[in-house]
Amino acid sequence: MKILHFADAHIDMATYGRRDPETGLPLRVLDFLKSLDVIVDAAIRESVDMVIFAGDAYKDRNPAPTYQREWGRRVMRLSQAGILTLLLVGNHDLSPALGRAHALNEFVTLQVPKVRVLDRPAFLTSDDLDGLPVQIIALPWVSRSGMIAHFDLRGQSLEEVYRQLSERLLEQVDYWLEQADPALPVILTAHASVQGATYGGERSVMLGNDLVLPPSLVKDARLDYVALGHIHKPQDLNEGQHPPVIYPGSIERVDFGEVADEKFFVIAEVARGRTEVDWRPLRDIRPFVDRRVTLSEKENINRQIQAALPPQDELKDAIVRLVVEYPREWEALIDDAALRDYAAGAFEFHLVKRPQQENRIRLPQDQAIGALSPLELLELYWRANHLEEEDIRVLSALAAEIIQSPEEGSE
């Protein structure tokens, strides 16, 4: 079996930039669609047997019709090429309300040939997969509210709910593996967090809390490939072992938390007891540049700031963020216009100014420092730093013990 695995398309993640005058689409959306086209082209060109999309087609569960059209065009190309395509429902595709349609529902409603939408836990045999010699265990995003209602877990703590859900999923997957045909490979696909995975910067786009799957569920030797989605950082959680447990990552950088991440999709040759994984880089990804500078000298401030940026040719078409920290009184010395002119070739330039102001304690007019005891001065200091009343009480008691102890003894 030759499969193509990708995840976390988020094709309408238009956080930055302007619109394309020809199509009317945000240029950042075109970036995501360009990566999606590379993936679809590879699947058709290399005649893969199956495409597994492991969830999160959009940035949220209410995509605009224009974005649905663009996603649908790419999926239809796979359908017309006769490639069986499995679309797993992710947390960004799913409505929190029971009974509401998810963002991939149109493929179910229209019964698009060769396209299967997996919106509930399921075990698919070879017969369910048009006779392909493979078996699939599908775990789409587990809705907390739906599972609480289904298993009647109301009134229990979130920790207890997740513990029980994890146990039930382990039992269910184990049951399916016992029923599986031992002669055919088994692929597990899930949109979920797995304990031990390394998160990228996608925390900013994730919604709600996670059900975290135990490593034992995905590293079961009875599986032959694990196709995961939800975490944007590419990684193999079982590197060098069988089965490969793969997060391919998102298809484009979503935010500055992914500034150093390369982007991939995966083509895998899956056989019973043996799988070969080929990581395919998505090369034409828009660069992100993230720089920070803390000003310590008043002389040549703008030269110091500009030196923190890379050469202008490296800024071309990049999304750039420059964070500048400096004493508040130097504000007027920073030449914003000159910095923006230097970064004019960037796709987008974000200058984040963070003036620092030293906390100063102001005494009432009828008081002088010399008239206050050390304990009174300490209390003023803690209040100036906005400590909680309980913390001030505890610290004052400790300080009193330290100060009084030498006074009661020798000099």
Protein backbone atom coordinates (compact mmCIF):
# COMPACT_ATOMS: atom_id res chain seq x y z
CA MET A 1 0.00 0.00 0.00
CA LYS A 2 1.32 3.40 -0.99
CA ILE A 3 -0.32 6.19 1.02
CA LEU A 4 0.06 9.94 1.19
CA HIS A 5 -0.48 11.46 4.64
CA PHE A 6 -0.90 15.15 5.46
CA ALA A 7 -2.75 17.19 8.08
CA ASP A 8 -3.64 20.62 9.43
CA ALA A 9 -4.24 22.47 6.16
CA HIS A 10 -5.96 25.50 7.80
CA ILE A 11 -6.36 26.94 4.32
CA ASP A 12 -8.14 30.11 5.49
CA MET A 13 -5.52 31.11 8.05
CA ALA A 14 -5.20 34.66 6.66
CA THR A 15 -3.64 36.25 9.74
CA TYR A 16 -1.21 38.43 7.82
CA GLY A 17 -1.02 40.40 4.60
CA ARG A 18 -3.22 41.75 1.85
CA ARG A 19 -5.45 40.39 -0.91
CA ASP A 20 -4.60 39.21 -4.40
CA PRO A 21 -6.24 41.63 -6.85
CA GLU A 22 -6.87 38.89 -9.44
CA THR A 23 -8.63 36.29 -7.27
CA GLY A 24 -9.78 38.48 -4.38
CA LEU A 25 -8.33 35.91 -1.96
CA PRO A 26 -5.92 36.92 0.82
CA LEU A 27 -2.36 36.28 -0.32
CA ARG A 28 -1.75 34.14 2.77
CA VAL A 29 -4.65 31.89 1.76
CA LEU A 30 -2.95 31.46 -1.62
CA ASP A 31 0.20 30.36 0.26
CA PHE A 32 -1.74 27.54 1.95
CA LEU A 33 -3.51 26.59 -1.29
CA LYS A 34 -0.16 26.45 -3.10
CA SER A 35 1.12 23.89 -0.57
CA LEU A 36 -2.13 21.96 -0.91
CA ASP A 37 -1.70 21.90 -4.70
CA VAL A 38 1.83 20.47 -4.29
CA ILE A 39 0.40 17.67 -2.13
CA VAL A 40 -2.47 16.84 -4.50
CA ASP A 41 -0.12 16.94 -7.52
CA ALA A 42 2.24 14.49 -5.78
CA ALA A 43 -0.58 12.09 -4.96
CA ILE A 44 -1.77 12.02 -8.60
CA ARG A 45 1.70 11.98 -10.17
CA GLU A 46 2.92 9.10 -7.99
CA SER A 47 -0.34 7.13 -8.22
CA VAL A 48 -0.72 6.58 -4.50
CA ASP A 49 -3.35 4.08 -3.43
CA MET A 50 -4.82 6.26 -0.69
CA VAL A 51 -4.65 9.79 0.74
CA ILE A 52 -5.16 10.26 4.47
CA PHE A 53 -5.92 13.78 5.62
CA ALA A 54 -5.67 13.74 9.43
CA GLY A 55 -7.93 16.70 10.20
CA ASP A 56 -8.32 20.51 10.35
CA ALA A 57 -9.11 21.68 6.84
CA TYR A 58 -9.93 25.21 8.02
CA LYS A 59 -9.05 27.58 10.85
CA ASP A 60 -12.53 27.24 12.37
CA ARG A 61 -15.75 25.29 11.98
CA ASN A 62 -17.56 28.01 9.97
CA PRO A 63 -15.51 28.46 6.79
CA ALA A 64 -16.62 31.00 4.21
CA PRO A 65 -18.14 29.50 1.04
CA THR A 66 -15.15 30.76 -0.99
CA TYR A 67 -12.75 28.71 1.13
CA GLN A 68 -15.03 25.67 0.95
CA ARG A 69 -14.96 26.01 -2.82
CA GLU A 70 -11.15 26.07 -2.91
CA TRP A 71 -10.81 23.07 -0.57
CA GLY A 72 -13.49 21.20 -2.56
CA ARG A 73 -11.67 21.77 -5.85
CA ARG A 74 -8.55 20.03 -4.50
CA VAL A 75 -10.46 17.10 -3.01
CA MET A 76 -12.41 16.66 -6.27
CA ARG A 77 -9.13 16.36 -8.19
CA LEU A 78 -8.24 13.35 -6.01
CA SER A 79 -11.71 11.89 -6.52
CA GLN A 80 -11.52 12.29 -10.30
CA ALA A 81 -8.08 10.64 -10.29
CA GLY A 82 -9.65 7.59 -8.63
CA ILE A 83 -7.64 7.93 -5.41
CA LEU A 84 -9.44 6.87 -2.25
CA THR A 85 -9.29 9.87 0.11
CA LEU A 86 -10.02 9.70 3.83
CA LEU A 87 -10.92 13.02 5.47
CA LEU A 88 -10.65 12.90 9.25
CA VAL A 89 -12.66 15.53 11.14
CA GLY A 90 -10.44 17.70 13.38
CA ASN A 91 -11.25 20.03 16.24
CA HIS A 92 -11.33 23.07 13.93
CA ASP A 93 -13.79 21.29 11.64
CA LEU A 94 -16.20 20.22 14.37
CA SER A 95 -19.12 22.15 15.88
CA PRO A 96 -19.34 21.98 19.69
CA ALA A 97 -23.12 21.61 19.49
CA LEU A 98 -24.44 18.07 19.19
CA GLY A 99 -26.22 17.40 15.91
CA ARG A 100 -24.67 20.37 14.07
CA ALA A 101 -22.97 19.72 10.74
CA HIS A 102 -19.16 19.79 10.67
CA ALA A 103 -17.13 21.66 8.07
CA LEU A 104 -16.57 18.57 5.87
CA ASN A 105 -20.22 17.50 5.76
CA GLU A 106 -20.80 18.43 2.10
CA PHE A 107 -18.72 15.43 0.96
CA VAL A 108 -21.04 13.13 2.94
CA THR A 109 -24.20 14.83 1.72
CA LEU A 110 -23.15 14.76 -1.95
CA GLN A 111 -21.65 11.24 -1.69
CA VAL A 112 -18.51 12.27 -3.56
CA PRO A 113 -16.94 9.16 -5.18
CA LYS A 114 -13.74 7.87 -3.55
CA VAL A 115 -14.06 10.31 -0.63
CA ARG A 116 -14.77 9.05 2.90
CA VAL A 117 -15.39 11.48 5.75
CA LEU A 118 -14.49 9.99 9.14
CA ASP A 119 -16.40 11.90 11.82
CA ARG A 120 -16.68 9.20 14.50
CA PRO A 121 -14.43 6.40 15.79
CA ALA A 122 -14.56 3.52 13.32
CA PHE A 123 -12.83 0.37 12.06
CA LEU A 124 -12.75 0.08 8.26
CA THR A 125 -12.04 -3.26 6.63
CA SER A 126 -10.72 -3.88 3.13
CA ASP A 127 -14.34 -4.20 1.93
CA ASP A 128 -15.10 -0.73 3.33
CA LEU A 129 -12.10 0.64 1.42
CA ASP A 130 -13.01 -0.46 -2.11
CA GLY A 131 -11.06 -3.70 -1.73
CA LEU A 132 -7.70 -2.09 -0.99
CA PRO A 133 -5.48 -4.49 1.00
CA VAL A 134 -5.46 -2.46 4.20
CA GLN A 135 -7.48 -1.84 7.37
CA ILE A 136 -8.06 1.55 9.02
CA ILE A 137 -8.76 2.50 12.63
CA ALA A 138 -10.06 6.08 12.65
CA LEU A 139 -10.15 8.35 15.70
CA PRO A 140 -11.40 11.81 14.70
CA TRP A 141 -11.38 14.64 17.23
CA VAL A 142 -13.13 13.48 20.38
CA SER A 143 -15.71 16.09 21.40
CA ARG A 144 -15.61 16.39 25.17
CA SER A 145 -19.28 17.36 25.46
CA GLY A 146 -20.37 14.58 23.12
CA MET A 147 -18.41 11.90 24.95
CA ILE A 148 -19.61 13.11 28.36
CA ALA A 149 -23.19 12.82 27.15
CA HIS A 150 -22.61 9.46 25.43
CA PHE A 151 -20.96 7.80 28.44
CA ASP A 152 -23.01 9.74 31.03
CA LEU A 153 -19.96 11.27 32.75
CA ARG A 154 -21.73 14.45 33.86
CA GLY A 155 -20.71 15.93 37.21
CA GLN A 156 -17.20 14.45 37.13
CA SER A 157 -13.98 16.45 37.08
CA LEU A 158 -12.31 17.16 33.74
CA GLU A 159 -9.32 15.05 34.77
CA GLU A 160 -11.59 12.08 35.57
CA VAL A 161 -13.54 12.52 32.33
CA TYR A 162 -10.35 12.41 30.26
CA ARG A 163 -9.02 9.42 32.22
CA GLN A 164 -12.17 7.43 31.51
CA LEU A 165 -12.27 8.47 27.85
CA SER A 166 -8.64 7.37 27.44
CA GLU A 167 -9.37 3.99 29.01
CA ARG A 168 -12.40 3.43 26.78
CA LEU A 169 -10.48 4.36 23.63
CA LEU A 170 -7.70 1.93 24.59
CA GLU A 171 -10.25 -0.83 25.08
CA GLN A 172 -11.97 -0.05 21.77
CA VAL A 173 -8.75 0.07 19.74
CA ASP A 174 -7.56 -3.17 21.35
CA TYR A 175 -10.89 -4.80 20.43
CA TRP A 176 -10.59 -3.67 16.80
CA LEU A 177 -7.01 -4.94 16.58
CA GLU A 178 -8.18 -8.32 17.84
CA GLN A 179 -10.79 -8.38 15.06
CA ALA A 180 -8.35 -7.29 12.32
CA ASP A 181 -7.23 -9.62 9.52
CA PRO A 182 -3.66 -10.59 10.51
CA ALA A 183 -2.63 -10.86 6.85
CA LEU A 184 -3.37 -7.18 6.07
CA PRO A 185 -1.61 -4.05 7.37
CA VAL A 186 -3.45 -1.87 9.89
CA ILE A 187 -3.24 1.94 9.85
CA LEU A 188 -4.40 4.05 12.78
CA THR A 189 -5.31 7.65 11.95
CA ALA A 190 -6.17 10.12 14.71
CA HIS A 191 -6.62 13.83 15.22
CA ALA A 192 -5.38 14.14 18.78
CA SER A 193 -2.50 14.95 21.10
CA VAL A 194 -0.23 12.10 22.12
CA GLN A 195 1.68 12.16 25.38
CA GLY A 196 5.34 12.98 24.70
CA ALA A 197 4.75 14.91 21.48
CA THR A 198 6.49 18.26 21.07
CA TYR A 199 4.19 21.20 20.50
CA GLY A 200 4.94 23.98 18.06
CA GLY A 201 3.34 27.39 18.11
CA GLU A 202 -0.12 26.12 17.15
CA ARG A 203 -1.29 26.58 20.74
CA SER A 204 -2.59 29.93 19.54
CA VAL A 205 -5.05 28.26 17.14
CA MET A 206 -6.07 25.25 19.16
CA LEU A 207 -9.49 25.38 20.79
CA GLY A 208 -10.28 24.06 24.27
CA ASN A 209 -8.51 21.36 26.23
CA ASP A 210 -6.99 18.20 24.82
CA LEU A 211 -7.70 14.56 25.40
CA VAL A 212 -4.12 13.25 25.49
CA LEU A 213 -3.68 9.74 24.10
CA PRO A 214 -1.22 7.43 25.90
CA PRO A 215 1.88 6.35 23.90
CA SER A 216 0.92 2.69 24.33
CA LEU A 217 -2.13 3.22 22.11
CA VAL A 218 -0.17 4.50 19.10
CA LYS A 219 3.00 2.43 19.53
CA ASP A 220 1.20 -0.93 19.49
CA ALA A 221 3.28 -3.33 17.36
CA ARG A 222 0.07 -4.68 15.79
CA LEU A 223 -0.21 -1.36 13.92
CA ASP A 224 1.79 -0.72 10.75
CA TYR A 225 1.48 3.06 10.40
CA VAL A 226 0.02 5.82 12.58
CA ALA A 227 -1.17 8.92 10.68
CA LEU A 228 -1.67 11.76 13.14
CA GLY A 229 -2.89 15.34 12.94
CA HIS A 230 -3.45 18.24 15.36
CA ILE A 231 0.13 19.10 16.37
CA HIS A 232 1.84 21.37 13.86
CA LYS A 233 5.45 20.37 14.52
CA PRO A 234 6.63 17.51 12.24
CA GLN A 235 7.84 14.48 14.24
CA ASP A 236 7.98 10.71 14.48
CA LEU A 237 7.09 9.67 18.03
CA ASN A 238 8.46 6.16 17.50
CA GLU A 239 11.53 6.92 15.41
CA GLY A 240 13.48 3.88 14.34
CA GLN A 241 10.80 1.53 15.63
CA HIS A 242 7.68 -0.10 14.23
CA PRO A 243 5.13 1.34 13.67
CA PRO A 244 6.10 4.86 12.57
CA VAL A 245 3.98 7.34 14.57
CA ILE A 246 3.91 10.44 12.38
CA TYR A 247 2.77 14.02 12.82
CA PRO A 248 3.54 15.54 9.39
CA GLY A 249 2.79 19.03 10.78
CA SER A 250 0.84 21.87 9.22
CA ILE A 251 1.27 22.57 5.50
CA GLU A 252 2.31 26.22 6.05
CA ARG A 253 3.67 28.25 8.96
CA VAL A 254 0.71 29.48 10.96
CA ASP A 255 2.43 31.97 13.27
CA PHE A 256 5.80 32.97 14.76
CA GLY A 257 5.78 29.92 17.01
CA GLU A 258 6.58 27.90 13.87
CA VAL A 259 9.31 30.23 12.61
CA ALA A 260 12.01 27.50 12.63
CA ASP A 261 9.82 24.57 11.52
CA GLU A 262 10.22 23.00 8.10
CA LYS A 263 6.96 21.79 6.53
CA PHE A 264 6.26 18.33 5.11
CA PHE A 265 3.83 15.76 3.86
CA VAL A 266 4.59 12.03 3.98
CA ILE A 267 4.47 9.23 1.45
CA ALA A 268 4.66 5.80 3.09
CA GLU A 269 4.94 2.26 1.69
CA VAL A 270 2.91 0.27 4.21
CA ALA A 271 3.19 -3.51 4.48
CA ARG A 272 2.37 -5.94 7.27
CA GLY A 273 5.14 -5.61 9.85
CA ARG A 274 7.24 -3.25 7.71
CA THR A 275 6.74 0.36 6.65
CA GLU A 276 9.02 2.77 4.80
CA VAL A 277 8.46 6.49 5.37
CA ASP A 278 9.50 9.23 2.94
CA TRP A 279 9.28 12.78 4.33
CA ARG A 280 8.57 15.17 1.46
CA PRO A 281 9.50 18.81 2.17
CA LEU A 282 7.20 21.62 1.11
CA ARG A 283 9.94 23.87 -0.18
CA ASP A 284 8.23 27.04 -1.35
CA ILE A 285 7.04 28.15 2.10
CA ARG A 286 6.79 31.82 2.99
CA PRO A 287 9.62 32.65 5.43
CA PHE A 288 9.03 34.09 8.88
CA VAL A 289 11.69 36.29 10.48
CA ASP A 290 11.54 36.90 14.24
CA ARG A 291 14.09 39.20 15.90
CA ARG A 292 14.41 40.84 19.31
CA VAL A 293 16.72 43.59 20.58
CA THR A 294 17.15 45.15 24.03
CA LEU A 295 18.66 48.64 23.88
CA SER A 296 21.31 49.32 26.50
CA GLU A 297 23.06 52.37 25.04
CA LYS A 298 21.56 55.70 24.05
CA GLU A 299 24.01 56.35 21.21
CA ASN A 300 23.12 55.25 17.67
CA ILE A 301 19.83 53.70 18.73
CA ASN A 302 18.45 53.22 15.22
CA ARG A 303 21.69 51.62 14.06
CA GLN A 304 21.45 49.17 16.98
CA ILE A 305 17.87 48.27 16.06
CA GLN A 306 18.58 47.86 12.36
CA ALA A 307 21.57 45.62 13.14
CA ALA A 308 19.16 43.16 14.77
CA LEU A 309 17.50 42.56 11.37
CA PRO A 310 19.01 40.34 8.66
CA PRO A 311 20.12 41.82 5.31
CA GLN A 312 17.34 43.27 3.17
CA ASP A 313 17.44 40.44 0.62
CA GLU A 314 16.55 37.98 3.42
CA LEU A 315 13.54 40.11 4.34
CA LYS A 316 12.08 40.01 0.83
CA ASP A 317 8.53 38.53 0.87
CA ALA A 318 8.95 37.42 4.48
CA ILE A 319 6.63 38.01 7.43
CA VAL A 320 8.83 39.92 9.86
CA ARG A 321 8.49 40.72 13.55
CA LEU A 322 10.96 42.93 15.40
CA VAL A 323 10.54 43.32 19.16
CA VAL A 324 12.40 46.28 20.68
CA GLU A 325 12.79 46.75 24.44
CA TYR A 326 14.13 50.08 25.70
CA PRO A 327 13.84 52.62 28.54
CA ARG A 328 10.65 54.62 28.11
CA GLU A 329 12.47 57.94 28.00
CA TRP A 330 14.23 56.88 24.75
CA GLU A 331 10.91 56.59 22.87
CA ALA A 332 11.40 59.73 20.78
CA LEU A 333 14.84 58.55 19.57
CA ILE A 334 13.44 55.57 17.64
CA ASP A 335 12.87 56.30 13.95
CA ASP A 336 9.93 54.08 12.99
CA ALA A 337 9.85 55.36 9.41
CA ALA A 338 13.49 54.48 8.77
CA LEU A 339 12.96 50.93 10.08
CA ARG A 340 9.88 50.43 7.93
CA ASP A 341 11.77 51.76 4.92
CA TYR A 342 14.57 49.23 5.57
CA ALA A 343 11.99 46.42 5.71
CA ALA A 344 9.97 47.68 2.73
CA GLY A 345 10.60 44.47 0.77
CA ALA A 346 8.98 42.31 3.45
CA PHE A 347 5.54 40.81 2.88
CA GLU A 348 4.55 42.26 6.23
CA PHE A 349 6.57 44.04 8.93
CA HIS A 350 5.54 44.16 12.59
CA LEU A 351 7.45 46.56 14.83
CA VAL A 352 6.63 45.72 18.45
CA LYS A 353 7.85 48.42 20.84
CA ARG A 354 8.09 47.54 24.52
CA PRO A 355 9.13 50.52 26.61
CA GLN A 356 10.35 49.59 30.08
CA GLN A 357 9.48 51.76 33.05
CA GLU A 358 11.14 51.41 36.42
CA ASN A 359 8.75 51.11 39.34
CA ARG A 360 9.18 54.05 41.73
CA ILE A 361 7.81 54.30 45.20
CA ARG A 362 6.19 57.65 46.00
CA LEU A 363 5.83 58.54 49.68
CA PRO A 364 3.04 60.74 51.04
CA GLN A 365 4.12 64.41 51.40
CA ASP A 366 4.10 64.22 55.21
CA GLN A 367 6.50 61.24 55.28
CA ALA A 368 10.24 60.90 54.75
CA ILE A 369 12.27 57.75 54.22
CA GLY A 370 14.24 58.39 57.40
CA ALA A 371 11.03 58.34 59.46
CA LEU A 372 10.05 54.82 58.27
CA SER A 373 11.26 51.54 59.70
CA PRO A 374 12.78 48.85 57.44
CA LEU A 375 9.58 46.80 57.71
CA GLU A 376 7.45 49.79 56.65
CA LEU A 377 9.73 50.45 53.68
CA LEU A 378 9.54 46.79 52.65
CA GLU A 379 5.76 46.90 52.74
CA LEU A 380 5.74 50.00 50.53
CA TYR A 381 8.05 48.23 48.09
CA TRP A 382 5.85 45.13 47.88
CA ARG A 383 2.73 47.22 47.36
CA ALA A 384 4.47 49.18 44.60
CA ASN A 385 5.08 45.83 42.85
CA HIS A 386 1.39 44.89 43.16
CA LEU A 387 1.79 41.82 45.33
CA GLU A 388 -1.30 40.13 46.73
CA GLU A 389 -2.30 41.05 50.29
CA GLU A 390 -1.73 37.49 51.51
CA ASP A 391 1.78 37.46 50.00
CA ILE A 392 2.55 40.80 51.65
CA ARG A 393 1.39 39.45 55.02
CA VAL A 394 3.60 36.33 54.73
CA LEU A 395 6.64 38.25 53.50
CA SER A 396 6.26 40.88 56.23
CA ALA A 397 6.16 38.15 58.89
CA LEU A 398 9.30 36.52 57.50
CA ALA A 399 11.08 39.87 57.21
CA ALA A 400 10.16 40.68 60.83
CA GLU A 401 11.77 37.45 62.00
CA ILE A 402 14.97 38.17 60.07
CA ILE A 403 15.24 41.78 61.24
CA GLN A 404 14.37 41.13 64.88
CA SER A 405 16.65 38.11 65.26
CA PRO A 406 19.95 40.09 65.14
CA GLU A 407 18.47 42.85 67.30
CA GLU A 408 17.78 40.38 70.07
CA GLY A 409 21.34 38.99 69.94
CA SER A 410 24.75 40.61 69.80
CA GLU A 411 25.74 43.46 67.52
